[in-house]
Amino acid sequence: MAGPRKRSALIARLVSDQPGGSQASILEELRRCLLDGEVPPGTPIPLDEVAQVFGVSRIPVREALKTLIGEGLVEHQPNLGYHVARLTARELHELYVVREVLEVAALTAAVASATEQDDVEATATHEALGQAIEAHDVRGYHRDSRRFHLALVRPCGMHRLLAMLESAWNTTEPVQPMAHVSDGAKAEMHRDHEEMLAAFLARDVDGLVAAARAHHGRLRASLAALPRHTGLLVEGD
């Protein structure tokens, strides 16, 4: 006889301040939970339970999930329902290739537009990243790594490009790839970050692009070393 169904990790993470939330607020909260790394790929998203958390009918929840399907964060299968999207190793690698192309384009433009305030923000996020490494804060490292990269590209002012970059980045977030790399790999990547920051502060576009490309090469190498037994990735191509 089957035991009681295990509660979805997503339901445990959802927060609703008041019943009857709008579709926009439901979408925002669902997206937040999927991007914070605590809800792994493949996690079921029980429609009725999500609706109960927000004190709404199925309709606004279903509409929010449709948007997240379009963003690549959720998948739906007939008779099986909704679940957090899973990627194959090949898809994950492809998204990192896309991220490199978009990031290099953004960095090239950002150097010409960066201000002293941008320098302050980039330096602060780099320091926070170093503190996360020293504290062995896995989630903090993953979060602050993203904050550092975005601090370098944001001055480009190319809003559509940045939206595409964030979309590609968001799709990989449930996997939390950087949470699985070794301490040695983190140290090497942090040295990459130091070179990128130095080039950014010096407005050295060639040096920044070279450091970024080297960093992305290291990132892709780390993907190949991700453990396959975790179930985070779909087997096969």
Protein backbone atom coordinates (compact mmCIF):
# COMPACT_ATOMS: atom_id res chain seq x y z
CA MET A 1 0.00 0.00 0.00
CA ALA A 2 1.42 3.38 -0.99
CA GLY A 3 2.31 5.80 1.79
CA PRO A 4 1.23 9.43 2.00
CA ARG A 5 2.40 11.61 -0.85
CA LYS A 6 5.47 13.67 -0.01
CA ARG A 7 4.80 17.40 0.15
CA SER A 8 6.22 19.34 -2.79
CA ALA A 9 9.34 21.34 -1.89
CA LEU A 10 7.78 24.27 -3.72
CA ILE A 11 4.76 24.45 -1.41
CA ALA A 12 7.05 24.66 1.60
CA ARG A 13 8.81 27.69 0.07
CA LEU A 14 5.82 29.72 -1.12
CA VAL A 15 4.89 32.79 0.89
CA SER A 16 1.55 34.59 0.63
CA ASP A 17 0.86 37.57 2.86
CA GLN A 18 -2.85 37.68 2.18
CA PRO A 19 -5.42 35.49 0.40
CA GLY A 20 -6.74 36.40 -3.03
CA GLY A 21 -3.45 37.60 -4.48
CA SER A 22 -3.29 38.93 -8.03
CA GLN A 23 -1.98 36.85 -10.91
CA ALA A 24 1.06 39.14 -11.07
CA SER A 25 1.90 38.58 -7.39
CA ILE A 26 1.42 34.82 -7.77
CA LEU A 27 3.74 34.82 -10.78
CA GLU A 28 6.36 36.86 -8.93
CA GLU A 29 6.35 34.54 -5.90
CA LEU A 30 6.47 31.37 -7.99
CA ARG A 31 9.37 32.77 -10.01
CA ARG A 32 11.21 33.79 -6.84
CA CYS A 33 10.97 30.27 -5.45
CA LEU A 34 12.15 28.68 -8.69
CA LEU A 35 15.16 30.99 -8.93
CA ASP A 36 16.38 30.81 -5.33
CA GLY A 37 17.82 27.31 -5.78
CA GLU A 38 15.81 25.59 -3.08
CA VAL A 39 13.33 23.90 -5.43
CA PRO A 40 15.21 21.39 -7.60
CA PRO A 41 14.38 20.51 -11.21
CA GLY A 42 11.65 17.90 -11.52
CA THR A 43 9.84 19.07 -8.38
CA PRO A 44 6.05 18.66 -8.80
CA ILE A 45 3.94 21.82 -8.79
CA PRO A 46 0.54 20.73 -7.48
CA LEU A 47 -1.99 23.16 -8.90
CA ASP A 48 -4.60 22.80 -6.16
CA GLU A 49 -2.07 23.20 -3.33
CA VAL A 50 -0.52 26.29 -4.91
CA ALA A 51 -4.00 27.78 -5.33
CA GLN A 52 -4.73 27.02 -1.67
CA VAL A 53 -1.55 28.81 -0.52
CA PHE A 54 -2.63 31.97 -2.35
CA GLY A 55 -6.32 31.64 -1.51
CA VAL A 56 -7.36 31.73 -5.17
CA SER A 57 -8.91 29.47 -7.77
CA ARG A 58 -6.85 27.41 -10.19
CA ILE A 59 -7.23 29.99 -12.96
CA PRO A 60 -4.67 32.66 -11.91
CA VAL A 61 -2.22 29.93 -10.87
CA ARG A 62 -2.58 28.20 -14.23
CA GLU A 63 -2.03 31.49 -16.06
CA ALA A 64 1.08 32.21 -14.00
CA LEU A 65 2.42 28.75 -14.77
CA LYS A 66 1.82 29.32 -18.49
CA THR A 67 4.09 32.37 -18.27
CA LEU A 68 6.76 30.35 -16.47
CA ILE A 69 6.52 27.65 -19.13
CA GLY A 70 7.29 30.35 -21.69
CA GLU A 71 10.31 31.37 -19.61
CA GLY A 72 11.61 27.81 -19.58
CA LEU A 73 11.22 27.39 -15.81
CA VAL A 74 8.19 25.07 -15.77
CA GLU A 75 7.06 22.12 -17.87
CA HIS A 76 3.62 20.56 -18.24
CA GLN A 77 2.79 17.01 -19.23
CA PRO A 78 -0.75 15.73 -19.82
CA ASN A 79 -1.93 13.54 -16.94
CA LEU A 80 1.28 14.29 -15.00
CA GLY A 81 0.73 17.97 -14.34
CA TYR A 82 3.26 20.74 -13.82
CA HIS A 83 6.81 20.41 -12.56
CA VAL A 84 10.01 22.46 -12.38
CA ALA A 85 11.70 22.20 -15.78
CA ARG A 86 14.69 19.87 -16.17
CA LEU A 87 17.50 20.27 -18.68
CA THR A 88 19.72 17.77 -20.40
CA ALA A 89 23.48 18.24 -20.03
CA ARG A 90 23.56 19.34 -23.67
CA GLU A 91 20.87 21.98 -23.10
CA LEU A 92 22.69 23.29 -20.04
CA HIS A 93 25.92 23.59 -22.04
CA GLU A 94 24.04 25.37 -24.83
CA LEU A 95 22.61 27.94 -22.41
CA TYR A 96 26.10 28.72 -21.14
CA VAL A 97 27.26 29.26 -24.72
CA VAL A 98 24.36 31.68 -25.20
CA ARG A 99 25.25 33.44 -21.97
CA GLU A 100 28.85 33.93 -23.10
CA VAL A 101 27.85 35.46 -26.43
CA LEU A 102 25.38 37.85 -24.81
CA GLU A 103 27.65 38.74 -21.91
CA VAL A 104 30.63 39.55 -24.14
CA ALA A 105 28.44 41.85 -26.24
CA ALA A 106 27.12 43.56 -23.12
CA LEU A 107 30.59 43.93 -21.56
CA THR A 108 31.97 45.52 -24.71
CA ALA A 109 29.29 48.22 -24.56
CA ALA A 110 29.37 48.53 -20.76
CA VAL A 111 33.01 49.63 -20.62
CA ALA A 112 32.24 52.73 -22.67
CA SER A 113 29.26 53.72 -20.49
CA ALA A 114 30.35 52.74 -16.97
CA THR A 115 30.45 55.38 -14.25
CA GLU A 116 32.20 55.65 -10.89
CA GLN A 117 29.02 54.38 -9.23
CA ASP A 118 29.15 51.30 -11.46
CA ASP A 119 32.74 50.77 -10.30
CA VAL A 120 31.62 50.95 -6.67
CA GLU A 121 28.84 48.43 -7.23
CA ALA A 122 31.04 45.99 -9.15
CA THR A 123 33.72 46.19 -6.47
CA ALA A 124 31.19 45.66 -3.67
CA THR A 125 29.64 42.60 -5.32
CA HIS A 126 33.12 41.15 -5.90
CA GLU A 127 33.94 41.60 -2.21
CA ALA A 128 30.65 39.92 -1.23
CA LEU A 129 31.51 37.03 -3.52
CA GLY A 130 34.89 36.64 -1.84
CA GLN A 131 33.23 36.61 1.57
CA ALA A 132 30.84 33.88 0.44
CA ILE A 133 33.79 31.76 -0.68
CA GLU A 134 35.61 32.25 2.64
CA ALA A 135 32.45 31.35 4.56
CA HIS A 136 31.82 28.27 2.37
CA ASP A 137 28.37 29.73 1.74
CA VAL A 138 27.27 27.72 -1.30
CA ARG A 139 24.01 29.57 -1.92
CA GLY A 140 25.63 32.91 -1.25
CA TYR A 141 28.40 32.13 -3.72
CA HIS A 142 25.89 31.24 -6.42
CA ARG A 143 23.83 34.38 -5.73
CA ASP A 144 26.76 36.78 -5.54
CA SER A 145 28.42 35.33 -8.64
CA ARG A 146 25.34 36.33 -10.60
CA ARG A 147 25.24 39.75 -8.94
CA PHE A 148 28.88 40.35 -9.91
CA HIS A 149 28.37 39.45 -13.56
CA LEU A 150 25.25 41.60 -13.78
CA ALA A 151 27.05 44.53 -12.15
CA LEU A 152 29.60 44.43 -14.98
CA VAL A 153 27.08 44.21 -17.84
CA ARG A 154 24.31 46.48 -16.55
CA PRO A 155 26.04 49.75 -17.58
CA CYS A 156 25.69 48.74 -21.25
CA GLY A 157 22.12 50.07 -21.18
CA MET A 158 21.03 47.53 -23.82
CA HIS A 159 17.77 46.51 -22.19
CA ARG A 160 16.68 43.86 -24.68
CA LEU A 161 20.10 42.21 -24.61
CA LEU A 162 20.11 42.22 -20.81
CA ALA A 163 16.63 40.70 -20.77
CA MET A 164 17.80 37.89 -23.04
CA LEU A 165 20.86 37.33 -20.84
CA GLU A 166 18.76 37.19 -17.67
CA SER A 167 16.31 34.82 -19.35
CA ALA A 168 19.10 32.40 -20.30
CA TRP A 169 20.55 32.70 -16.79
CA ASN A 170 17.17 32.12 -15.14
CA THR A 171 16.65 28.89 -17.06
CA THR A 172 19.77 27.41 -15.47
CA GLU A 173 19.05 28.63 -11.93
CA PRO A 174 17.03 25.64 -10.63
CA VAL A 175 20.06 23.44 -11.39
CA GLN A 176 22.34 25.74 -9.33
CA PRO A 177 25.46 24.60 -11.25
CA MET A 178 27.89 26.64 -9.17
CA ALA A 179 26.68 24.96 -5.99
CA HIS A 180 28.29 21.74 -7.20
CA VAL A 181 31.77 22.91 -8.21
CA SER A 182 34.80 22.15 -6.04
CA ASP A 183 36.49 24.69 -3.78
CA GLY A 184 39.49 24.62 -6.11
CA ALA A 185 37.32 25.48 -9.10
CA LYS A 186 35.67 28.29 -7.13
CA ALA A 187 39.11 29.74 -6.34
CA GLU A 188 40.10 29.65 -10.02
CA MET A 189 36.84 31.30 -11.05
CA HIS A 190 37.32 33.98 -8.40
CA ARG A 191 40.71 34.77 -9.90
CA ASP A 192 38.90 35.14 -13.23
CA HIS A 193 36.53 37.56 -11.53
CA GLU A 194 39.47 39.56 -10.19
CA GLU A 195 40.89 39.91 -13.70
CA MET A 196 37.49 40.90 -15.07
CA LEU A 197 37.02 43.52 -12.36
CA ALA A 198 40.51 44.96 -12.87
CA ALA A 199 39.92 45.28 -16.61
CA PHE A 200 36.48 46.82 -16.03
CA LEU A 201 37.87 49.44 -13.65
CA ALA A 202 40.68 50.22 -16.11
CA ARG A 203 38.16 50.49 -18.98
CA ASP A 204 40.26 47.88 -20.80
CA VAL A 205 37.68 46.35 -23.13
CA ASP A 206 40.10 43.88 -24.77
CA GLY A 207 41.35 42.66 -21.40
CA LEU A 208 37.82 42.37 -20.07
CA VAL A 209 36.58 40.37 -23.05
CA ALA A 210 39.63 38.08 -22.90
CA ALA A 211 39.12 37.47 -19.17
CA ALA A 212 35.40 36.88 -19.67
CA ARG A 213 36.00 34.35 -22.44
CA ALA A 214 38.56 32.50 -20.33
CA HIS A 215 36.09 32.49 -17.45
CA HIS A 216 33.30 31.08 -19.57
CA GLY A 217 35.62 28.37 -20.82
CA ARG A 218 36.22 27.41 -17.21
CA LEU A 219 32.49 27.51 -16.52
CA ARG A 220 31.75 25.10 -19.36
CA ALA A 221 34.49 22.77 -18.12
CA SER A 222 32.86 22.78 -14.68
CA LEU A 223 29.54 21.76 -16.25
CA ALA A 224 31.12 18.62 -17.64
CA ALA A 225 32.13 17.69 -14.09
CA LEU A 226 28.65 18.09 -12.59
CA PRO A 227 27.56 14.94 -10.75
CA ARG A 228 24.99 12.98 -12.73
CA HIS A 229 23.58 11.04 -9.77
CA THR A 230 21.77 14.07 -8.36
CA GLY A 231 18.86 13.80 -10.80
CA LEU A 232 19.13 17.52 -11.56
CA LEU A 233 19.70 16.84 -15.26
CA VAL A 234 17.76 14.65 -17.65
CA GLU A 235 19.76 11.68 -18.88
CA GLY A 236 20.62 11.57 -22.57
CA ASP A 237 20.80 14.33 -25.18
